[in-house]
């Protein structure tokens, strides 16, 4: 099995601001703008059925509006929009990022852990704004185990009528245009768990934060010690330079790359990863209710 740390949602370039951590510690990964999409921010709902359009408009000071089109991908929370019959959690990738996944042998059963840029917000006089006492940070916000892989440029998609809203159906001419459908149940180390194959981490918790709390750089990560690429192990993809890694007691630190969407780790070389993934999701899967 392989683990993919997958960067998704708003950041300083796509969207321009972090996604919000609300005052009750609820998180919301804001999907990036997309002019080719057929869905707008106003159509999206939070876990509390609040309009995502207002949140986006408030936090970007109106640079992105509720009527703007949105790249709803990965689409893994059932209540985000009105669903067609047969809907399943779905995620798309293309071009260089998909080539990287393919070259690393990503397949059925592999697991994405989605992360993005987040920051605490507060609501003042009905308007959302970032808490000036907080700092942006990279946070894990969801998981997705691959149950099916569909190559849109090669395969028949008539049986995917429920998914035609998805933005990757607008990328007919894109290289390696690929859809991933989530597994029905989470299966780790050949053991099926009573947990959905994908979901979101609704509440912010310290163990979901990748960014080191004592660094001003969001790309300075703190990870379990077993992530450190000991001799003979292939490091997390895009992070083969050992100067980026440093042991720190029971943890390790990583100066993560500023660009790149999909970072792949071979769990066979890092067997401790299986229990870490399982415990992380078990502790936080309430967000999938």
C-alpha atoms as a PDB file:
ATOM      1  CA  UNK A   1       0.000   0.000   0.000  1.00  0.00           C
ATOM      2  CA  UNK A   2       1.084   3.566  -0.657  1.00  0.00           C
ATOM      3  CA  UNK A   3       0.288   6.767   1.208  1.00  0.00           C
ATOM      4  CA  UNK A   4      -0.143  10.022  -0.716  1.00  0.00           C
ATOM      5  CA  UNK A   5       0.017  13.340   1.123  1.00  0.00           C
ATOM      6  CA  UNK A   6      -2.073  15.406  -1.281  1.00  0.00           C
ATOM      7  CA  UNK A   7      -2.152  19.214  -1.206  1.00  0.00           C
ATOM      8  CA  UNK A   8      -5.681  20.463  -1.926  1.00  0.00           C
ATOM      9  CA  UNK A   9      -7.754  23.611  -1.332  1.00  0.00           C
ATOM     10  CA  UNK A  10      -7.027  27.309  -0.926  1.00  0.00           C
ATOM     11  CA  UNK A  11      -3.476  28.563  -0.496  1.00  0.00           C
ATOM     12  CA  UNK A  12      -1.509  31.738  -1.168  1.00  0.00           C
ATOM     13  CA  UNK A  13      -1.661  31.260  -4.958  1.00  0.00           C
ATOM     14  CA  UNK A  14      -4.948  29.402  -5.536  1.00  0.00           C
ATOM     15  CA  UNK A  15      -7.637  31.327  -3.708  1.00  0.00           C
ATOM     16  CA  UNK A  16      -5.127  33.682  -2.127  1.00  0.00           C
ATOM     17  CA  UNK A  17      -5.983  32.968   1.541  1.00  0.00           C
ATOM     18  CA  UNK A  18      -6.054  29.974   3.897  1.00  0.00           C
ATOM     19  CA  UNK A  19      -9.112  27.832   4.504  1.00  0.00           C
ATOM     20  CA  UNK A  20     -10.902  28.558   7.790  1.00  0.00           C
ATOM     21  CA  UNK A  21     -10.768  26.960  11.214  1.00  0.00           C
ATOM     22  CA  UNK A  22     -13.901  28.312  12.895  1.00  0.00           C
ATOM     23  CA  UNK A  23     -14.271  29.323  16.521  1.00  0.00           C
ATOM     24  CA  UNK A  24     -15.703  25.906  17.435  1.00  0.00           C
ATOM     25  CA  UNK A  25     -12.620  24.250  15.821  1.00  0.00           C
ATOM     26  CA  UNK A  26     -14.641  23.113  12.800  1.00  0.00           C
ATOM     27  CA  UNK A  27     -12.553  23.064   9.626  1.00  0.00           C
ATOM     28  CA  UNK A  28     -13.640  23.745   6.064  1.00  0.00           C
ATOM     29  CA  UNK A  29     -11.320  23.126   3.129  1.00  0.00           C
ATOM     30  CA  UNK A  30     -12.217  25.747   0.511  1.00  0.00           C
ATOM     31  CA  UNK A  31     -12.011  24.392  -3.053  1.00  0.00           C
ATOM     32  CA  UNK A  32     -10.138  26.590  -5.524  1.00  0.00           C
ATOM     33  CA  UNK A  33     -11.789  28.770  -8.207  1.00  0.00           C
ATOM     34  CA  UNK A  34     -12.314  27.267 -11.676  1.00  0.00           C
ATOM     35  CA  UNK A  35     -13.859  29.202 -14.564  1.00  0.00           C
ATOM     36  CA  UNK A  36     -14.592  25.996 -16.485  1.00  0.00           C
ATOM     37  CA  UNK A  37     -16.687  24.490 -13.677  1.00  0.00           C
ATOM     38  CA  UNK A  38     -20.490  24.387 -13.818  1.00  0.00           C
ATOM     39  CA  UNK A  39     -20.877  24.831 -10.028  1.00  0.00           C
ATOM     40  CA  UNK A  40     -20.631  28.045  -7.989  1.00  0.00           C
ATOM     41  CA  UNK A  41     -19.565  28.679  -4.408  1.00  0.00           C
ATOM     42  CA  UNK A  42     -23.126  29.715  -3.576  1.00  0.00           C
ATOM     43  CA  UNK A  43     -24.256  26.157  -4.329  1.00  0.00           C
ATOM     44  CA  UNK A  44     -21.892  24.655  -1.766  1.00  0.00           C
ATOM     45  CA  UNK A  45     -22.902  24.096   1.850  1.00  0.00           C
ATOM     46  CA  UNK A  46     -20.874  23.574   5.016  1.00  0.00           C
ATOM     47  CA  UNK A  47     -21.525  20.868   7.617  1.00  0.00           C
ATOM     48  CA  UNK A  48     -23.941  23.333   9.219  1.00  0.00           C
ATOM     49  CA  UNK A  49     -25.668  24.068   5.889  1.00  0.00           C
ATOM     50  CA  UNK A  50     -24.148  27.550   5.731  1.00  0.00           C
ATOM     51  CA  UNK A  51     -23.366  29.044   2.325  1.00  0.00           C
ATOM     52  CA  UNK A  52     -19.733  28.614   1.330  1.00  0.00           C
ATOM     53  CA  UNK A  53     -20.208  31.600  -0.992  1.00  0.00           C
ATOM     54  CA  UNK A  54     -20.483  34.024   1.922  1.00  0.00           C
ATOM     55  CA  UNK A  55     -17.456  32.540   3.683  1.00  0.00           C
ATOM     56  CA  UNK A  56     -15.295  32.802   0.565  1.00  0.00           C
ATOM     57  CA  UNK A  57     -16.435  36.352  -0.152  1.00  0.00           C
ATOM     58  CA  UNK A  58     -15.789  37.471   3.439  1.00  0.00           C
ATOM     59  CA  UNK A  59     -12.330  35.927   3.719  1.00  0.00           C
ATOM     60  CA  UNK A  60     -11.121  37.184   0.312  1.00  0.00           C
ATOM     61  CA  UNK A  61     -12.621  40.653   0.830  1.00  0.00           C
ATOM     62  CA  UNK A  62     -14.844  40.110  -2.192  1.00  0.00           C
ATOM     63  CA  UNK A  63     -12.066  39.084  -4.602  1.00  0.00           C
ATOM     64  CA  UNK A  64     -13.827  35.753  -4.945  1.00  0.00           C
ATOM     65  CA  UNK A  65     -17.606  35.923  -4.898  1.00  0.00           C
ATOM     66  CA  UNK A  66     -20.349  33.417  -4.260  1.00  0.00           C
ATOM     67  CA  UNK A  67     -21.365  33.500  -7.919  1.00  0.00           C
ATOM     68  CA  UNK A  68     -17.854  32.483  -9.038  1.00  0.00           C
ATOM     69  CA  UNK A  69     -17.311  28.961 -10.318  1.00  0.00           C
ATOM     70  CA  UNK A  70     -15.538  26.429  -8.142  1.00  0.00           C
ATOM     71  CA  UNK A  71     -13.326  23.366  -8.657  1.00  0.00           C
ATOM     72  CA  UNK A  72     -15.140  20.999  -6.300  1.00  0.00           C
ATOM     73  CA  UNK A  73     -12.369  18.414  -6.129  1.00  0.00           C
ATOM     74  CA  UNK A  74     -11.820  16.268  -4.151  1.00  0.00           C
ATOM     75  CA  UNK A  75     -15.545  15.967  -3.563  1.00  0.00           C
ATOM     76  CA  UNK A  76     -15.905  13.732  -0.520  1.00  0.00           C
ATOM     77  CA  UNK A  77     -18.486  15.272   1.825  1.00  0.00           C
ATOM     78  CA  UNK A  78     -22.013  14.083   0.919  1.00  0.00           C
ATOM     79  CA  UNK A  79     -23.794  17.259   2.059  1.00  0.00           C
ATOM     80  CA  UNK A  80     -21.758  19.723  -0.013  1.00  0.00           C
ATOM     81  CA  UNK A  81     -24.289  19.925  -2.868  1.00  0.00           C
ATOM     82  CA  UNK A  82     -27.477  18.211  -3.983  1.00  0.00           C
ATOM     83  CA  UNK A  83     -26.525  14.745  -5.240  1.00  0.00           C
ATOM     84  CA  UNK A  84     -27.625  12.599  -8.136  1.00  0.00           C
ATOM     85  CA  UNK A  85     -28.578   8.988  -7.446  1.00  0.00           C
ATOM     86  CA  UNK A  86     -25.533   6.755  -7.228  1.00  0.00           C
ATOM     87  CA  UNK A  87     -23.130   9.457  -6.074  1.00  0.00           C
ATOM     88  CA  UNK A  88     -19.820   8.317  -4.599  1.00  0.00           C
ATOM     89  CA  UNK A  89     -16.886  10.294  -3.198  1.00  0.00           C
ATOM     90  CA  UNK A  90     -14.714  11.263  -6.152  1.00  0.00           C
ATOM     91  CA  UNK A  91     -11.360  12.871  -6.852  1.00  0.00           C
ATOM     92  CA  UNK A  92      -9.659  13.833 -10.126  1.00  0.00           C
ATOM     93  CA  UNK A  93      -6.079  14.408 -11.239  1.00  0.00           C
ATOM     94  CA  UNK A  94      -4.363  15.182 -14.535  1.00  0.00           C
ATOM     95  CA  UNK A  95      -1.198  16.359 -16.285  1.00  0.00           C
ATOM     96  CA  UNK A  96       2.082  16.288 -14.340  1.00  0.00           C
ATOM     97  CA  UNK A  97       0.496  15.492 -10.987  1.00  0.00           C
ATOM     98  CA  UNK A  98      -1.274  12.445 -12.426  1.00  0.00           C
ATOM     99  CA  UNK A  99       1.923  11.386 -14.186  1.00  0.00           C
ATOM    100  CA  UNK A 100       3.664  11.489 -10.810  1.00  0.00           C
ATOM    101  CA  UNK A 101       0.982   9.248  -9.300  1.00  0.00           C
ATOM    102  CA  UNK A 102       1.200   6.840 -12.230  1.00  0.00           C
ATOM    103  CA  UNK A 103       4.996   6.733 -12.141  1.00  0.00           C
ATOM    104  CA  UNK A 104       4.823   5.871  -8.445  1.00  0.00           C
ATOM    105  CA  UNK A 105       2.479   2.973  -9.101  1.00  0.00           C
ATOM    106  CA  UNK A 106      -0.581   4.378  -7.343  1.00  0.00           C
ATOM    107  CA  UNK A 107      -3.458   1.911  -7.524  1.00  0.00           C
ATOM    108  CA  UNK A 108      -6.487   0.339  -5.853  1.00  0.00           C
ATOM    109  CA  UNK A 109      -6.230   0.378  -2.052  1.00  0.00           C
ATOM    110  CA  UNK A 110      -3.739   3.241  -1.794  1.00  0.00           C
ATOM    111  CA  UNK A 111      -4.713   6.102   0.504  1.00  0.00           C
ATOM    112  CA  UNK A 112      -4.693   9.866   0.030  1.00  0.00           C
ATOM    113  CA  UNK A 113      -4.440  12.078   3.097  1.00  0.00           C
ATOM    114  CA  UNK A 114      -5.462  15.536   1.957  1.00  0.00           C
ATOM    115  CA  UNK A 115      -3.792  18.572   3.502  1.00  0.00           C
ATOM    116  CA  UNK A 116      -4.083  22.292   2.931  1.00  0.00           C
ATOM    117  CA  UNK A 117      -3.386  25.749   4.292  1.00  0.00           C
ATOM    118  CA  UNK A 118      -5.621  26.708   7.232  1.00  0.00           C
ATOM    119  CA  UNK A 119      -5.965  29.561   9.707  1.00  0.00           C
ATOM    120  CA  UNK A 120      -8.301  30.409  12.578  1.00  0.00           C
ATOM    121  CA  UNK A 121     -11.160  32.802  11.812  1.00  0.00           C
ATOM    122  CA  UNK A 122     -13.665  34.728  13.882  1.00  0.00           C
ATOM    123  CA  UNK A 123     -17.033  36.219  13.043  1.00  0.00           C
ATOM    124  CA  UNK A 124     -17.404  39.901  13.896  1.00  0.00           C
ATOM    125  CA  UNK A 125     -20.655  41.723  13.191  1.00  0.00           C
ATOM    126  CA  UNK A 126     -21.698  38.906  10.874  1.00  0.00           C
ATOM    127  CA  UNK A 127     -18.495  38.955   8.824  1.00  0.00           C
ATOM    128  CA  UNK A 128     -15.828  36.250   8.812  1.00  0.00           C
ATOM    129  CA  UNK A 129     -12.254  37.455   9.182  1.00  0.00           C
ATOM    130  CA  UNK A 130      -8.942  35.893  10.083  1.00  0.00           C
ATOM    131  CA  UNK A 131      -7.940  35.955  13.722  1.00  0.00           C
ATOM    132  CA  UNK A 132      -4.972  38.327  13.820  1.00  0.00           C
ATOM    133  CA  UNK A 133      -3.431  36.390  16.704  1.00  0.00           C
ATOM    134  CA  UNK A 134      -3.274  33.178  14.611  1.00  0.00           C
ATOM    135  CA  UNK A 135      -0.856  31.983  11.959  1.00  0.00           C
ATOM    136  CA  UNK A 136      -1.432  29.911   8.806  1.00  0.00           C
ATOM    137  CA  UNK A 137      -0.485  26.234   8.954  1.00  0.00           C
ATOM    138  CA  UNK A 138      -0.635  23.065   6.914  1.00  0.00           C
ATOM    139  CA  UNK A 139      -3.318  20.746   8.279  1.00  0.00           C
ATOM    140  CA  UNK A 140      -4.587  17.301   7.275  1.00  0.00           C
ATOM    141  CA  UNK A 141      -8.314  17.590   6.511  1.00  0.00           C
ATOM    142  CA  UNK A 142      -9.485  14.357   4.906  1.00  0.00           C
ATOM    143  CA  UNK A 143      -8.782  10.846   3.659  1.00  0.00           C
ATOM    144  CA  UNK A 144      -9.604   8.856   0.538  1.00  0.00           C
ATOM    145  CA  UNK A 145      -8.861   5.214  -0.205  1.00  0.00           C
ATOM    146  CA  UNK A 146      -8.909   4.321  -3.897  1.00  0.00           C
ATOM    147  CA  UNK A 147     -11.626   1.854  -4.864  1.00  0.00           C
ATOM    148  CA  UNK A 148     -11.709   2.432  -8.623  1.00  0.00           C
ATOM    149  CA  UNK A 149      -9.599   4.270 -11.219  1.00  0.00           C
ATOM    150  CA  UNK A 150     -11.155   5.669 -14.399  1.00  0.00           C
ATOM    151  CA  UNK A 151      -9.138   7.118 -17.291  1.00  0.00           C
ATOM    152  CA  UNK A 152     -11.536   9.616 -18.852  1.00  0.00           C
ATOM    153  CA  UNK A 153      -9.756   9.843 -22.185  1.00  0.00           C
ATOM    154  CA  UNK A 154      -9.844   6.068 -22.718  1.00  0.00           C
ATOM    155  CA  UNK A 155     -12.815   4.544 -20.943  1.00  0.00           C
ATOM    156  CA  UNK A 156     -16.567   4.571 -21.506  1.00  0.00           C
ATOM    157  CA  UNK A 157     -18.246   6.899 -19.009  1.00  0.00           C
ATOM    158  CA  UNK A 158     -21.956   6.358 -19.715  1.00  0.00           C
ATOM    159  CA  UNK A 159     -22.320   4.670 -16.328  1.00  0.00           C
ATOM    160  CA  UNK A 160     -20.955   7.784 -14.624  1.00  0.00           C
ATOM    161  CA  UNK A 161     -23.939  10.044 -15.266  1.00  0.00           C
ATOM    162  CA  UNK A 162     -23.999  10.852 -11.532  1.00  0.00           C
ATOM    163  CA  UNK A 163     -20.499  12.312 -11.836  1.00  0.00           C
ATOM    164  CA  UNK A 164     -20.880  14.527 -14.920  1.00  0.00           C
ATOM    165  CA  UNK A 165     -20.935  17.637 -12.701  1.00  0.00           C
ATOM    166  CA  UNK A 166     -17.342  16.934 -11.694  1.00  0.00           C
ATOM    167  CA  UNK A 167     -14.816  19.450 -13.098  1.00  0.00           C
ATOM    168  CA  UNK A 168     -12.629  16.779 -14.702  1.00  0.00           C
ATOM    169  CA  UNK A 169     -15.372  16.110 -17.213  1.00  0.00           C
ATOM    170  CA  UNK A 170     -14.628  19.615 -18.511  1.00  0.00           C
ATOM    171  CA  UNK A 171     -10.975  18.656 -19.200  1.00  0.00           C
ATOM    172  CA  UNK A 172     -11.545  16.328 -22.141  1.00  0.00           C
ATOM    173  CA  UNK A 173      -8.265  17.227 -23.836  1.00  0.00           C
ATOM    174  CA  UNK A 174      -6.088  17.152 -20.730  1.00  0.00           C
ATOM    175  CA  UNK A 175      -3.237  14.679 -20.531  1.00  0.00           C
ATOM    176  CA  UNK A 176      -3.759  11.734 -18.175  1.00  0.00           C
ATOM    177  CA  UNK A 177      -7.206  12.968 -17.121  1.00  0.00           C
ATOM    178  CA  UNK A 178      -8.100  10.481 -14.389  1.00  0.00           C
ATOM    179  CA  UNK A 179     -10.874   9.977 -11.839  1.00  0.00           C
ATOM    180  CA  UNK A 180     -10.548   8.108  -8.574  1.00  0.00           C
ATOM    181  CA  UNK A 181     -13.649   6.655  -6.895  1.00  0.00           C
ATOM    182  CA  UNK A 182     -13.409   5.957  -3.161  1.00  0.00           C
ATOM    183  CA  UNK A 183     -13.663   2.479  -1.689  1.00  0.00           C
ATOM    184  CA  UNK A 184     -16.881   1.770   0.200  1.00  0.00           C
ATOM    185  CA  UNK A 185     -15.057   0.906   3.439  1.00  0.00           C
ATOM    186  CA  UNK A 186     -11.585   1.628   4.722  1.00  0.00           C
ATOM    187  CA  UNK A 187      -9.265  -1.364   4.473  1.00  0.00           C
ATOM    188  CA  UNK A 188      -5.822  -1.191   6.092  1.00  0.00           C
ATOM    189  CA  UNK A 189      -3.361  -4.072   6.232  1.00  0.00           C
ATOM    190  CA  UNK A 190      -6.042  -6.391   4.785  1.00  0.00           C
ATOM    191  CA  UNK A 191      -8.469  -5.561   7.592  1.00  0.00           C
ATOM    192  CA  UNK A 192     -11.760  -3.848   6.747  1.00  0.00           C
ATOM    193  CA  UNK A 193     -12.803  -1.226   9.270  1.00  0.00           C
ATOM    194  CA  UNK A 194     -16.328   0.010   9.959  1.00  0.00           C
ATOM    195  CA  UNK A 195     -15.333   3.395   8.539  1.00  0.00           C
ATOM    196  CA  UNK A 196     -16.145   4.852   5.127  1.00  0.00           C
ATOM    197  CA  UNK A 197     -13.405   4.728   2.515  1.00  0.00           C
ATOM    198  CA  UNK A 198     -13.256   8.520   2.457  1.00  0.00           C
ATOM    199  CA  UNK A 199     -14.267  11.437   4.634  1.00  0.00           C
ATOM    200  CA  UNK A 200     -13.296  14.753   6.160  1.00  0.00           C
ATOM    201  CA  UNK A 201     -11.800  15.574   9.523  1.00  0.00           C
ATOM    202  CA  UNK A 202     -14.423  17.954  10.819  1.00  0.00           C
ATOM    203  CA  UNK A 203     -12.604  19.283  13.894  1.00  0.00           C
ATOM    204  CA  UNK A 204      -9.095  20.689  14.104  1.00  0.00           C
ATOM    205  CA  UNK A 205      -6.838  18.734  16.441  1.00  0.00           C
ATOM    206  CA  UNK A 206      -3.106  19.104  17.074  1.00  0.00           C
ATOM    207  CA  UNK A 207      -2.284  15.696  15.580  1.00  0.00           C
ATOM    208  CA  UNK A 208      -3.701  16.871  12.231  1.00  0.00           C
ATOM    209  CA  UNK A 209      -1.282  19.808  12.021  1.00  0.00           C
ATOM    210  CA  UNK A 210       1.801  19.255   9.865  1.00  0.00           C
ATOM    211  CA  UNK A 211       3.426  22.666  10.366  1.00  0.00           C
ATOM    212  CA  UNK A 212       5.846  22.905  13.270  1.00  0.00           C
ATOM    213  CA  UNK A 213       4.399  25.198  16.001  1.00  0.00           C
ATOM    214  CA  UNK A 214       7.784  26.769  16.823  1.00  0.00           C
ATOM    215  CA  UNK A 215       8.603  27.755  13.228  1.00  0.00           C
ATOM    216  CA  UNK A 216       7.409  30.749  11.236  1.00  0.00           C
ATOM    217  CA  UNK A 217       7.571  28.703   8.023  1.00  0.00           C
ATOM    218  CA  UNK A 218       4.440  26.717   7.231  1.00  0.00           C
ATOM    219  CA  UNK A 219       6.604  24.355   5.168  1.00  0.00           C
ATOM    220  CA  UNK A 220       8.575  23.302   8.253  1.00  0.00           C
ATOM    221  CA  UNK A 221       6.775  20.097   9.197  1.00  0.00           C
ATOM    222  CA  UNK A 222       6.941  17.917  12.263  1.00  0.00           C
ATOM    223  CA  UNK A 223       6.222  14.231  11.635  1.00  0.00           C
ATOM    224  CA  UNK A 224       6.476  10.881  13.442  1.00  0.00           C
ATOM    225  CA  UNK A 225      10.066   9.691  13.701  1.00  0.00           C
ATOM    226  CA  UNK A 226       9.451   6.735  11.394  1.00  0.00           C
ATOM    227  CA  UNK A 227       8.998   9.150   8.451  1.00  0.00           C
ATOM    228  CA  UNK A 228      12.767   9.755   8.530  1.00  0.00           C
ATOM    229  CA  UNK A 229      14.349   8.026   5.492  1.00  0.00           C
ATOM    230  CA  UNK A 230      16.839   5.666   7.088  1.00  0.00           C
ATOM    231  CA  UNK A 231      19.527   4.165   4.881  1.00  0.00           C
ATOM    232  CA  UNK A 232      18.046   2.076   2.087  1.00  0.00           C
ATOM    233  CA  UNK A 233      14.547   3.547   2.322  1.00  0.00           C
ATOM    234  CA  UNK A 234      13.077   5.676  -0.448  1.00  0.00           C
ATOM    235  CA  UNK A 235      12.018   9.048   1.034  1.00  0.00           C
ATOM    236  CA  UNK A 236       8.657  10.730   0.588  1.00  0.00           C
ATOM    237  CA  UNK A 237       8.570  11.739  -3.079  1.00  0.00           C
ATOM    238  CA  UNK A 238       9.877  15.243  -3.904  1.00  0.00           C
ATOM    239  CA  UNK A 239      11.874  15.054  -0.653  1.00  0.00           C
ATOM    240  CA  UNK A 240      14.879  12.909  -1.570  1.00  0.00           C
ATOM    241  CA  UNK A 241      17.364  15.563  -0.435  1.00  0.00           C
ATOM    242  CA  UNK A 242      18.330  14.331   3.038  1.00  0.00           C
ATOM    243  CA  UNK A 243      19.241  17.886   4.032  1.00  0.00           C
ATOM    244  CA  UNK A 244      15.502  18.511   4.251  1.00  0.00           C
ATOM    245  CA  UNK A 245      15.199  15.911   7.031  1.00  0.00           C
ATOM    246  CA  UNK A 246      16.251  16.084  10.669  1.00  0.00           C
ATOM    247  CA  UNK A 247      15.687  13.721  13.594  1.00  0.00           C
ATOM    248  CA  UNK A 248      14.204  15.380  16.676  1.00  0.00           C
ATOM    249  CA  UNK A 249      13.788  12.968  19.567  1.00  0.00           C
ATOM    250  CA  UNK A 250      10.646  10.899  19.065  1.00  0.00           C
ATOM    251  CA  UNK A 251       9.765  13.004  16.004  1.00  0.00           C
ATOM    252  CA  UNK A 252      11.425  14.187  12.816  1.00  0.00           C
ATOM    253  CA  UNK A 253      11.363  17.493  11.003  1.00  0.00           C
ATOM    254  CA  UNK A 254      10.974  18.045   7.305  1.00  0.00           C
ATOM    255  CA  UNK A 255      11.516  21.195   5.275  1.00  0.00           C
ATOM    256  CA  UNK A 256       8.766  20.378   2.790  1.00  0.00           C
ATOM    257  CA  UNK A 257       8.829  21.627  -0.783  1.00  0.00           C
ATOM    258  CA  UNK A 258       6.798  24.722  -1.589  1.00  0.00           C
ATOM    259  CA  UNK A 259       5.366  23.252  -4.781  1.00  0.00           C
ATOM    260  CA  UNK A 260       3.976  19.886  -5.748  1.00  0.00           C
ATOM    261  CA  UNK A 261       0.578  18.333  -5.144  1.00  0.00           C
ATOM    262  CA  UNK A 262       1.143  14.633  -4.506  1.00  0.00           C
ATOM    263  CA  UNK A 263       3.834  13.315  -2.148  1.00  0.00           C
ATOM    264  CA  UNK A 264       4.060   9.514  -2.189  1.00  0.00           C
ATOM    265  CA  UNK A 265       5.366   7.154   0.513  1.00  0.00           C
ATOM    266  CA  UNK A 266       5.715   3.378   0.126  1.00  0.00           C
ATOM    267  CA  UNK A 267       4.117   1.873   3.241  1.00  0.00           C
ATOM    268  CA  UNK A 268       5.953  -1.387   2.637  1.00  0.00           C
ATOM    269  CA  UNK A 269       9.193   0.423   3.422  1.00  0.00           C
ATOM    270  CA  UNK A 270       7.592   2.295   6.318  1.00  0.00           C
ATOM    271  CA  UNK A 271       5.346  -0.329   7.989  1.00  0.00           C
ATOM    272  CA  UNK A 272       4.713   1.977  10.967  1.00  0.00           C
ATOM    273  CA  UNK A 273       2.693   4.126   8.577  1.00  0.00           C
ATOM    274  CA  UNK A 274      -0.206   1.652   8.527  1.00  0.00           C
ATOM    275  CA  UNK A 275      -0.994   1.977  12.208  1.00  0.00           C
ATOM    276  CA  UNK A 276      -0.442   5.751  12.071  1.00  0.00           C
ATOM    277  CA  UNK A 277      -2.957   6.125   9.231  1.00  0.00           C
ATOM    278  CA  UNK A 278      -5.469   3.867  10.957  1.00  0.00           C
ATOM    279  CA  UNK A 279      -5.213   5.604  14.331  1.00  0.00           C
ATOM    280  CA  UNK A 280      -5.358   9.059  12.741  1.00  0.00           C
ATOM    281  CA  UNK A 281      -8.590   8.259  10.907  1.00  0.00           C
ATOM    282  CA  UNK A 282     -10.178   6.331  13.787  1.00  0.00           C
ATOM    283  CA  UNK A 283      -9.571   9.231  16.167  1.00  0.00           C
ATOM    284  CA  UNK A 284     -10.967  11.814  13.770  1.00  0.00           C
ATOM    285  CA  UNK A 285     -13.532   9.965  11.646  1.00  0.00           C
ATOM    286  CA  UNK A 286     -16.468  11.473  13.566  1.00  0.00           C
ATOM    287  CA  UNK A 287     -16.220  14.143  10.885  1.00  0.00           C
ATOM    288  CA  UNK A 288     -17.627  11.682   8.370  1.00  0.00           C
ATOM    289  CA  UNK A 289     -21.010  11.480  10.169  1.00  0.00           C
END
